[in-house]
Amino acid sequence: GKWQAGAVAFGSTDLPTGRLGYRHVGQVAVGGLVGYA
C-alpha cells in the first residue's frame, strides 16, 4: 500500500594510489528501511 519496508546495504573503498604509506579506507554497512507515501 502506502508503506514500504526492506533491507539496504552499502560499501565503499579507496582505489589504489601507488603511494607508499597511503592508508586506504573502506566500509561495509547494512540496515533496514521503512517508508510511507
Full PDB file with SEQRES, HELIX, SHEET, SSBOND, CRYST1, ORIGX, SCALE, CONECT and MASTER records, all heavy atoms in Angstrom:
SEQRES   1 A   37  GLY LYS TRP GLN ALA GLY ALA VAL ALA PHE GLY SER THR          
SEQRES   2 A   37  ASP LEU PRO THR GLY ARG LEU GLY TYR ARG HIS VAL GLY          
SEQRES   3 A   37  GLN VAL ALA VAL GLY GLY LEU VAL GLY TYR ALA                  
SHEET    1 AA1 2 TRP A   3  THR A  13  0                                        
SHEET    2 AA1 2 GLY A  26  TYR A  36 -1                                        
CRYST1    1.000    1.000    1.000  90.00  90.00  90.00 P 1           1          
ORIGX1      1.000000  0.000000  0.000000        0.00000                         
ORIGX2      0.000000  1.000000  0.000000        0.00000                         
ORIGX3      0.000000  0.000000  1.000000        0.00000                         
SCALE1      1.000000  0.000000  0.000000        0.00000                         
SCALE2      0.000000  1.000000  0.000000        0.00000                         
SCALE3      0.000000  0.000000  1.000000        0.00000                         
ATOM      1  N   GLY A   1       0.835  -1.189   0.000  1.00  0.00           N  
ATOM      2  CA  GLY A   1       0.000   0.000   0.000  1.00  0.00           C  
ATOM      3  C   GLY A   1       0.868   1.237   0.000  1.00  0.00           C  
ATOM      4  O   GLY A   1       1.747   1.401  -0.846  1.00  0.00           O  
ATOM      5  N   LYS A   2       0.657   2.110   0.970  1.00  0.00           N  
ATOM      6  CA  LYS A   2       1.470   3.321   1.073  1.00  0.00           C  
ATOM      7  C   LYS A   2       2.754   3.092   1.866  1.00  0.00           C  
ATOM      8  O   LYS A   2       3.601   3.985   1.921  1.00  0.00           O  
ATOM      9  CB  LYS A   2       0.658   4.448   1.723  1.00  0.00           C  
ATOM     10  CG  LYS A   2      -0.475   4.963   0.837  1.00  0.00           C  
ATOM     11  CD  LYS A   2      -1.124   6.187   1.442  1.00  0.00           C  
ATOM     12  CE  LYS A   2      -2.185   6.769   0.523  1.00  0.00           C  
ATOM     13  NZ  LYS A   2      -2.761   8.020   1.062  1.00  0.00           N  
ATOM     14  N   TRP A   3       2.907   1.907   2.460  1.00  0.00           N  
ATOM     15  CA  TRP A   3       4.107   1.605   3.228  1.00  0.00           C  
ATOM     16  C   TRP A   3       5.141   0.905   2.366  1.00  0.00           C  
ATOM     17  O   TRP A   3       4.792   0.243   1.385  1.00  0.00           O  
ATOM     18  CB  TRP A   3       3.762   0.702   4.412  1.00  0.00           C  
ATOM     19  CG  TRP A   3       2.999   1.376   5.507  1.00  0.00           C  
ATOM     20  CD1 TRP A   3       1.638   1.424   5.645  1.00  0.00           C  
ATOM     21  CD2 TRP A   3       3.538   2.103   6.609  1.00  0.00           C  
ATOM     22  NE1 TRP A   3       1.299   2.132   6.763  1.00  0.00           N  
ATOM     23  CE2 TRP A   3       2.450   2.562   7.379  1.00  0.00           C  
ATOM     24  CE3 TRP A   3       4.838   2.403   7.021  1.00  0.00           C  
ATOM     25  CZ2 TRP A   3       2.631   3.313   8.538  1.00  0.00           C  
ATOM     26  CZ3 TRP A   3       5.012   3.145   8.186  1.00  0.00           C  
ATOM     27  CH2 TRP A   3       3.908   3.597   8.932  1.00  0.00           C  
ATOM     28  N   GLN A   4       6.387   1.039   2.729  1.00  0.00           N  
ATOM     29  CA  GLN A   4       7.444   0.234   2.137  1.00  0.00           C  
ATOM     30  C   GLN A   4       8.429  -0.150   3.237  1.00  0.00           C  
ATOM     31  O   GLN A   4       8.604   0.579   4.219  1.00  0.00           O  
ATOM     32  CB  GLN A   4       8.178   0.962   1.000  1.00  0.00           C  
ATOM     33  CG  GLN A   4       9.186   1.987   1.435  1.00  0.00           C  
ATOM     34  CD  GLN A   4       9.948   2.641   0.302  1.00  0.00           C  
ATOM     35  OE1 GLN A   4      10.022   3.849   0.242  1.00  0.00           O  
ATOM     36  NE2 GLN A   4      10.545   1.877  -0.586  1.00  0.00           N  
ATOM     37  N   ALA A   5       9.020  -1.327   3.090  1.00  0.00           N  
ATOM     38  CA  ALA A   5       9.968  -1.800   4.090  1.00  0.00           C  
ATOM     39  C   ALA A   5      10.947  -2.748   3.414  1.00  0.00           C  
ATOM     40  O   ALA A   5      10.630  -3.366   2.390  1.00  0.00           O  
ATOM     41  CB  ALA A   5       9.253  -2.495   5.248  1.00  0.00           C  
ATOM     42  N   GLY A   6      12.127  -2.854   3.997  1.00  0.00           N  
ATOM     43  CA  GLY A   6      13.100  -3.777   3.434  1.00  0.00           C  
ATOM     44  C   GLY A   6      14.496  -3.521   3.961  1.00  0.00           C  
ATOM     45  O   GLY A   6      14.689  -2.846   4.987  1.00  0.00           O  
ATOM     46  N   ALA A   7      15.463  -4.060   3.237  1.00  0.00           N  
ATOM     47  CA  ALA A   7      16.861  -4.002   3.651  1.00  0.00           C  
ATOM     48  C   ALA A   7      17.665  -3.107   2.712  1.00  0.00           C  
ATOM     49  O   ALA A   7      17.359  -2.991   1.523  1.00  0.00           O  
ATOM     50  CB  ALA A   7      17.466  -5.407   3.666  1.00  0.00           C  
ATOM     51  N   VAL A   8      18.700  -2.495   3.266  1.00  0.00           N  
ATOM     52  CA  VAL A   8      19.640  -1.691   2.478  1.00  0.00           C  
ATOM     53  C   VAL A   8      21.053  -2.064   2.907  1.00  0.00           C  
ATOM     54  O   VAL A   8      21.275  -2.576   4.011  1.00  0.00           O  
ATOM     55  CB  VAL A   8      19.400  -0.181   2.662  1.00  0.00           C  
ATOM     56  CG1 VAL A   8      18.039   0.230   2.127  1.00  0.00           C  
ATOM     57  CG2 VAL A   8      19.543   0.222   4.132  1.00  0.00           C  
ATOM     58  N   ALA A   9      22.002  -1.796   2.023  1.00  0.00           N  
ATOM     59  CA  ALA A   9      23.407  -2.047   2.328  1.00  0.00           C  
ATOM     60  C   ALA A   9      24.261  -1.167   1.432  1.00  0.00           C  
ATOM     61  O   ALA A   9      23.812  -0.732   0.362  1.00  0.00           O  
ATOM     62  CB  ALA A   9      23.759  -3.521   2.118  1.00  0.00           C  
ATOM     63  N   PHE A  10      25.480  -0.910   1.879  1.00  0.00           N  
ATOM     64  CA  PHE A  10      26.401  -0.167   1.022  1.00  0.00           C  
ATOM     65  C   PHE A  10      27.830  -0.509   1.400  1.00  0.00           C  
ATOM     66  O   PHE A  10      28.128  -0.949   2.521  1.00  0.00           O  
ATOM     67  CB  PHE A  10      26.168   1.347   1.085  1.00  0.00           C  
ATOM     68  CG  PHE A  10      26.333   1.965   2.448  1.00  0.00           C  
ATOM     69  CD1 PHE A  10      27.581   2.361   2.915  1.00  0.00           C  
ATOM     70  CD2 PHE A  10      25.236   2.196   3.260  1.00  0.00           C  
ATOM     71  CE1 PHE A  10      27.738   2.948   4.150  1.00  0.00           C  
ATOM     72  CE2 PHE A  10      25.374   2.779   4.518  1.00  0.00           C  
ATOM     73  CZ  PHE A  10      26.623   3.159   4.966  1.00  0.00           C  
ATOM     74  N   GLY A  11      28.704  -0.303   0.428  1.00  0.00           N  
ATOM     75  CA  GLY A  11      30.133  -0.477   0.647  1.00  0.00           C  
ATOM     76  C   GLY A  11      30.887   0.638  -0.033  1.00  0.00           C  
ATOM     77  O   GLY A  11      30.413   1.231  -1.013  1.00  0.00           O  
ATOM     78  N   SER A  12      32.075   0.945   0.476  1.00  0.00           N  
ATOM     79  CA  SER A  12      32.909   1.985  -0.131  1.00  0.00           C  
ATOM     80  C   SER A  12      34.364   1.600   0.019  1.00  0.00           C  
ATOM     81  O   SER A  12      34.753   0.935   0.989  1.00  0.00           O  
ATOM     82  CB  SER A  12      32.653   3.348   0.526  1.00  0.00           C  
ATOM     83  OG  SER A  12      33.114   3.355   1.868  1.00  0.00           O  
ATOM     84  N   THR A  13      35.173   2.034  -0.942  1.00  0.00           N  
ATOM     85  CA  THR A  13      36.607   1.777  -0.854  1.00  0.00           C  
ATOM     86  C   THR A  13      37.385   2.794  -1.666  1.00  0.00           C  
ATOM     87  O   THR A  13      36.916   3.262  -2.717  1.00  0.00           O  
ATOM     88  CB  THR A  13      36.950   0.354  -1.357  1.00  0.00           C  
ATOM     89  OG1 THR A  13      38.349   0.107  -1.169  1.00  0.00           O  
ATOM     90  CG2 THR A  13      36.607   0.186  -2.823  1.00  0.00           C  
ATOM     91  N   ASP A  14      38.547   3.166  -1.166  1.00  0.00           N  
ATOM     92  CA  ASP A  14      39.511   3.894  -1.982  1.00  0.00           C  
ATOM     93  C   ASP A  14      40.094   2.949  -3.019  1.00  0.00           C  
ATOM     94  O   ASP A  14      40.194   1.739  -2.786  1.00  0.00           O  
ATOM     95  CB  ASP A  14      40.659   4.422  -1.115  1.00  0.00           C  
ATOM     96  CG  ASP A  14      40.256   5.621  -0.282  1.00  0.00           C  
ATOM     97  OD1 ASP A  14      39.125   6.090  -0.424  1.00  0.00           O  
ATOM     98  OD2 ASP A  14      41.089   6.072   0.529  1.00  0.00           O  
ATOM     99  N   LEU A  15      40.510   3.487  -4.139  1.00  0.00           N  
ATOM    100  CA  LEU A  15      41.169   2.695  -5.168  1.00  0.00           C  
ATOM    101  C   LEU A  15      42.682   2.878  -5.064  1.00  0.00           C  
ATOM    102  O   LEU A  15      43.163   3.850  -4.472  1.00  0.00           O  
ATOM    103  CB  LEU A  15      40.650   3.104  -6.548  1.00  0.00           C  
ATOM    104  CG  LEU A  15      39.155   2.837  -6.761  1.00  0.00           C  
ATOM    105  CD1 LEU A  15      38.712   3.317  -8.136  1.00  0.00           C  
ATOM    106  CD2 LEU A  15      38.814   1.368  -6.567  1.00  0.00           C  
ATOM    107  N   PRO A  16      43.459   1.954  -5.609  1.00  0.00           N  
ATOM    108  CA  PRO A  16      44.925   2.013  -5.448  1.00  0.00           C  
ATOM    109  C   PRO A  16      45.512   3.346  -5.894  1.00  0.00           C  
ATOM    110  O   PRO A  16      45.107   3.923  -6.910  1.00  0.00           O  
ATOM    111  CB  PRO A  16      45.410   0.860  -6.319  1.00  0.00           C  
ATOM    112  CG  PRO A  16      44.266  -0.108  -6.343  1.00  0.00           C  
ATOM    113  CD  PRO A  16      43.025   0.744  -6.337  1.00  0.00           C  
ATOM    114  N   THR A  17      46.479   3.830  -5.122  1.00  0.00           N  
ATOM    115  CA  THR A  17      47.136   5.107  -5.419  1.00  0.00           C  
ATOM    116  C   THR A  17      48.579   4.935  -5.866  1.00  0.00           C  
ATOM    117  O   THR A  17      49.143   5.834  -6.477  1.00  0.00           O  
ATOM    118  CB  THR A  17      47.143   6.008  -4.175  1.00  0.00           C  
ATOM    119  OG1 THR A  17      47.929   5.378  -3.152  1.00  0.00           O  
ATOM    120  CG2 THR A  17      45.733   6.240  -3.662  1.00  0.00           C  
ATOM    121  N   GLY A  18      49.200   3.809  -5.505  1.00  0.00           N  
ATOM    122  CA  GLY A  18      50.618   3.634  -5.793  1.00  0.00           C  
ATOM    123  C   GLY A  18      51.525   4.437  -4.880  1.00  0.00           C  
ATOM    124  O   GLY A  18      52.730   4.539  -5.114  1.00  0.00           O  
ATOM    125  N   ARG A  19      50.961   5.023  -3.819  1.00  0.00           N  
ATOM    126  CA  ARG A  19      51.740   5.861  -2.909  1.00  0.00           C  
ATOM    127  C   ARG A  19      52.132   5.044  -1.678  1.00  0.00           C  
ATOM    128  O   ARG A  19      51.282   4.464  -1.007  1.00  0.00           O  
ATOM    129  CB  ARG A  19      50.935   7.088  -2.475  1.00  0.00           C  
ATOM    130  CG  ARG A  19      50.643   8.057  -3.607  1.00  0.00           C  
ATOM    131  CD  ARG A  19      49.793   9.211  -3.094  1.00  0.00           C  
ATOM    132  NE  ARG A  19      49.468  10.140  -4.167  1.00  0.00           N  
ATOM    133  CZ  ARG A  19      50.198  11.191  -4.495  1.00  0.00           C  
ATOM    134  NH1 ARG A  19      51.314  11.444  -3.843  1.00  0.00           N  
ATOM    135  NH2 ARG A  19      49.817  11.993  -5.469  1.00  0.00           N  
ATOM    136  N   LEU A  20      53.389   5.042  -1.356  1.00  0.00           N  
ATOM    137  CA  LEU A  20      53.898   4.321  -0.209  1.00  0.00           C  
ATOM    138  C   LEU A  20      53.350   4.942   1.073  1.00  0.00           C  
ATOM    139  O   LEU A  20      53.407   6.150   1.270  1.00  0.00           O  
ATOM    140  CB  LEU A  20      55.418   4.350  -0.201  1.00  0.00           C  
ATOM    141  CG  LEU A  20      56.108   3.541   0.908  1.00  0.00           C  
ATOM    142  CD1 LEU A  20      55.816   2.058   0.725  1.00  0.00           C  
ATOM    143  CD2 LEU A  20      57.611   3.808   0.893  1.00  0.00           C  
ATOM    144  N   GLY A  21      52.793   4.107   1.939  1.00  0.00           N  
ATOM    145  CA  GLY A  21      52.298   4.584   3.215  1.00  0.00           C  
ATOM    146  C   GLY A  21      50.872   5.089   3.201  1.00  0.00           C  
ATOM    147  O   GLY A  21      50.353   5.463   4.255  1.00  0.00           O  
ATOM    148  N   TYR A  22      50.230   5.119   2.034  1.00  0.00           N  
ATOM    149  CA  TYR A  22      48.842   5.581   1.986  1.00  0.00           C  
ATOM    150  C   TYR A  22      47.936   4.571   2.683  1.00  0.00           C  
ATOM    151  O   TYR A  22      48.024   3.372   2.431  1.00  0.00           O  
ATOM    152  CB  TYR A  22      48.392   5.771   0.536  1.00  0.00           C  
ATOM    153  CG  TYR A  22      46.983   6.322   0.414  1.00  0.00           C  
ATOM    154  CD1 TYR A  22      46.760   7.685   0.421  1.00  0.00           C  
ATOM    155  CD2 TYR A  22      45.898   5.466   0.300  1.00  0.00           C  
ATOM    156  CE1 TYR A  22      45.472   8.198   0.321  1.00  0.00           C  
ATOM    157  CE2 TYR A  22      44.613   5.964   0.201  1.00  0.00           C  
ATOM    158  CZ  TYR A  22      44.404   7.331   0.207  1.00  0.00           C  
ATOM    159  OH  TYR A  22      43.132   7.819   0.115  1.00  0.00           O  
ATOM    160  N   ARG A  23      47.090   5.043   3.575  1.00  0.00           N  
ATOM    161  CA  ARG A  23      46.188   4.164   4.320  1.00  0.00           C  
ATOM    162  C   ARG A  23      44.823   4.157   3.652  1.00  0.00           C  
ATOM    163  O   ARG A  23      44.035   5.083   3.791  1.00  0.00           O  
ATOM    164  CB  ARG A  23      46.068   4.630   5.768  1.00  0.00           C  
ATOM    165  CG  ARG A  23      47.363   4.489   6.562  1.00  0.00           C  
ATOM    166  CD  ARG A  23      47.156   4.924   7.996  1.00  0.00           C  
ATOM    167  NE  ARG A  23      46.908   6.355   8.103  1.00  0.00           N  
ATOM    168  CZ  ARG A  23      46.193   6.920   9.075  1.00  0.00           C  
ATOM    169  NH1 ARG A  23      45.630   6.172   9.994  1.00  0.00           N  
ATOM    170  NH2 ARG A  23      46.046   8.223   9.116  1.00  0.00           N  
ATOM    171  N   HIS A  24      44.525   3.108   2.931  1.00  0.00           N  
ATOM    172  CA  HIS A  24      43.247   3.002   2.234  1.00  0.00           C  
ATOM    173  C   HIS A  24      42.117   2.810   3.239  1.00  0.00           C  
ATOM    174  O   HIS A  24      42.271   2.109   4.238  1.00  0.00           O  
ATOM    175  CB  HIS A  24      43.269   1.839   1.247  1.00  0.00           C  
ATOM    176  CG  HIS A  24      44.174   2.072   0.082  1.00  0.00           C  
ATOM    177  ND1 HIS A  24      43.778   2.764  -1.038  1.00  0.00           N  
ATOM    178  CD2 HIS A  24      45.462   1.727  -0.129  1.00  0.00           C  
ATOM    179  CE1 HIS A  24      44.778   2.828  -1.898  1.00  0.00           C  
ATOM    180  NE2 HIS A  24      45.823   2.213  -1.360  1.00  0.00           N  
ATOM    181  N   VAL A  25      40.995   3.448   2.950  1.00  0.00           N  
ATOM    182  CA  VAL A  25      39.836   3.330   3.833  1.00  0.00           C  
ATOM    183  C   VAL A  25      38.701   2.635   3.100  1.00  0.00           C  
ATOM    184  O   VAL A  25      38.633   2.648   1.861  1.00  0.00           O  
ATOM    185  CB  VAL A  25      39.367   4.709   4.342  1.00  0.00           C  
ATOM    186  CG1 VAL A  25      40.470   5.411   5.102  1.00  0.00           C  
ATOM    187  CG2 VAL A  25      38.852   5.580   3.199  1.00  0.00           C  
ATOM    188  N   GLY A  26      37.812   2.032   3.863  1.00  0.00           N  
ATOM    189  CA  GLY A  26      36.645   1.379   3.290  1.00  0.00           C  
ATOM    190  C   GLY A  26      35.701   0.920   4.372  1.00  0.00           C  
ATOM    191  O   GLY A  26      36.056   0.873   5.555  1.00  0.00           O  
ATOM    192  N   GLN A  27      34.486   0.596   3.995  1.00  0.00           N  
ATOM    193  CA  GLN A  27      33.496   0.122   4.945  1.00  0.00           C  
ATOM    194  C   GLN A  27      32.430  -0.683   4.216  1.00  0.00           C  
ATOM    195  O   GLN A  27      32.219  -0.525   3.008  1.00  0.00           O  
ATOM    196  CB  GLN A  27      32.840   1.288   5.690  1.00  0.00           C  
ATOM    197  CG  GLN A  27      31.958   2.165   4.804  1.00  0.00           C  
ATOM    198  CD  GLN A  27      31.417   3.380   5.520  1.00  0.00           C  
ATOM    199  OE1 GLN A  27      31.667   4.498   5.100  1.00  0.00           O  
ATOM    200  NE2 GLN A  27      30.661   3.177   6.588  1.00  0.00           N  
ATOM    201  N   VAL A  28      31.758  -1.543   4.972  1.00  0.00           N  
ATOM    202  CA  VAL A  28      30.568  -2.255   4.519  1.00  0.00           C  
ATOM    203  C   VAL A  28      29.525  -2.099   5.614  1.00  0.00           C  
ATOM    204  O   VAL A  28      29.814  -2.359   6.793  1.00  0.00           O  
ATOM    205  CB  VAL A  28      30.849  -3.741   4.250  1.00  0.00           C  
ATOM    206  CG1 VAL A  28      29.555  -4.461   3.866  1.00  0.00           C  
ATOM    207  CG2 VAL A  28      31.892  -3.912   3.159  1.00  0.00           C  
ATOM    208  N   ALA A  29      28.330  -1.655   5.249  1.00  0.00           N  
ATOM    209  CA  ALA A  29      27.273  -1.412   6.226  1.00  0.00           C  
ATOM    210  C   ALA A  29      25.969  -2.021   5.741  1.00  0.00           C  
ATOM    211  O   ALA A  29      25.719  -2.109   4.532  1.00  0.00           O  
ATOM    212  CB  ALA A  29      27.100   0.086   6.477  1.00  0.00           C  
ATOM    213  N   VAL A  30      25.133  -2.430   6.682  1.00  0.00           N  
ATOM    214  CA  VAL A  30      23.818  -2.987   6.367  1.00  0.00           C  
ATOM    215  C   VAL A  30      22.793  -2.336   7.287  1.00  0.00           C  
ATOM    216  O   VAL A  30      23.135  -1.790   8.350  1.00  0.00           O  
ATOM    217  CB  VAL A  30      23.783  -4.518   6.524  1.00  0.00           C  
ATOM    218  CG1 VAL A  30      24.762  -5.183   5.574  1.00  0.00           C  
ATOM    219  CG2 VAL A  30      24.084  -4.921   7.971  1.00  0.00           C  
ATOM    220  N   GLY A  31      21.520  -2.422   6.883  1.00  0.00           N  
ATOM    221  CA  GLY A  31      20.479  -1.842   7.718  1.00  0.00           C  
ATOM    222  C   GLY A  31      19.092  -2.124   7.189  1.00  0.00           C  
ATOM    223  O   GLY A  31      18.911  -2.884   6.236  1.00  0.00           O  
ATOM    224  N   GLY A  32      18.099  -1.505   7.814  1.00  0.00           N  
ATOM    225  CA  GLY A  32      16.706  -1.666   7.435  1.00  0.00           C  
ATOM    226  C   GLY A  32      16.057  -0.330   7.165  1.00  0.00           C  
ATOM    227  O   GLY A  32      16.457   0.707   7.741  1.00  0.00           O  
ATOM    228  N   LEU A  33      15.066  -0.340   6.282  1.00  0.00           N  
ATOM    229  CA  LEU A  33      14.388   0.887   5.841  1.00  0.00           C  
ATOM    230  C   LEU A  33      12.880   0.736   5.980  1.00  0.00           C  
ATOM    231  O   LEU A  33      12.322  -0.329   5.679  1.00  0.00           O  
ATOM    232  CB  LEU A  33      14.755   1.200   4.390  1.00  0.00           C  
ATOM    233  CG  LEU A  33      14.106   2.410   3.719  1.00  0.00           C  
ATOM    234  CD1 LEU A  33      15.050   3.016   2.672  1.00  0.00           C  
ATOM    235  CD2 LEU A  33      12.783   2.040   3.018  1.00  0.00           C  
ATOM    236  N   VAL A  34      12.230   1.818   6.391  1.00  0.00           N  
ATOM    237  CA  VAL A  34      10.770   1.914   6.414  1.00  0.00           C  
ATOM    238  C   VAL A  34      10.388   3.228   5.745  1.00  0.00           C  
ATOM    239  O   VAL A  34      11.023   4.265   5.994  1.00  0.00           O  
ATOM    240  CB  VAL A  34      10.216   1.864   7.850  1.00  0.00           C  
ATOM    241  CG1 VAL A  34       8.708   2.088   7.847  1.00  0.00           C  
ATOM    242  CG2 VAL A  34      10.544   0.537   8.509  1.00  0.00           C  
ATOM    243  N   GLY A  35       9.367   3.191   4.890  1.00  0.00           N  
ATOM    244  CA  GLY A  35       8.911   4.400   4.214  1.00  0.00           C  
ATOM    245  C   GLY A  35       7.401   4.486   4.195  1.00  0.00           C  
ATOM    246  O   GLY A  35       6.698   3.468   4.354  1.00  0.00           O  
ATOM    247  N   TYR A  36       6.888   5.706   4.002  1.00  0.00           N  
ATOM    248  CA  TYR A  36       5.438   5.915   3.915  1.00  0.00           C  
ATOM    249  C   TYR A  36       5.166   7.012   2.903  1.00  0.00           C  
ATOM    250  O   TYR A  36       5.822   8.070   2.921  1.00  0.00           O  
ATOM    251  CB  TYR A  36       4.850   6.311   5.271  1.00  0.00           C  
ATOM    252  CG  TYR A  36       3.335   6.380   5.261  1.00  0.00           C  
ATOM    253  CD1 TYR A  36       2.567   5.227   5.399  1.00  0.00           C  
ATOM    254  CD2 TYR A  36       2.680   7.600   5.084  1.00  0.00           C  
ATOM    255  CE1 TYR A  36       1.189   5.279   5.383  1.00  0.00           C  
ATOM    256  CE2 TYR A  36       1.301   7.674   5.069  1.00  0.00           C  
ATOM    257  CZ  TYR A  36       0.547   6.506   5.213  1.00  0.00           C  
ATOM    258  OH  TYR A  36      -0.827   6.565   5.182  1.00  0.00           O  
ATOM    259  N   ALA A  37       4.207   6.765   2.015  1.00  0.00           N  
ATOM    260  CA  ALA A  37       3.851   7.734   0.976  1.00  0.00           C  
ATOM    261  C   ALA A  37       2.612   8.506   1.399  1.00  0.00           C  
ATOM    262  O   ALA A  37       1.505   7.970   1.429  1.00  0.00           O  
ATOM    263  CB  ALA A  37       3.590   7.009  -0.346  1.00  0.00           C  
TER     264      ALA A  37                                                      
MASTER        0    0    0    0    2    0    0    6  263    1    0    3          
END                                                                             
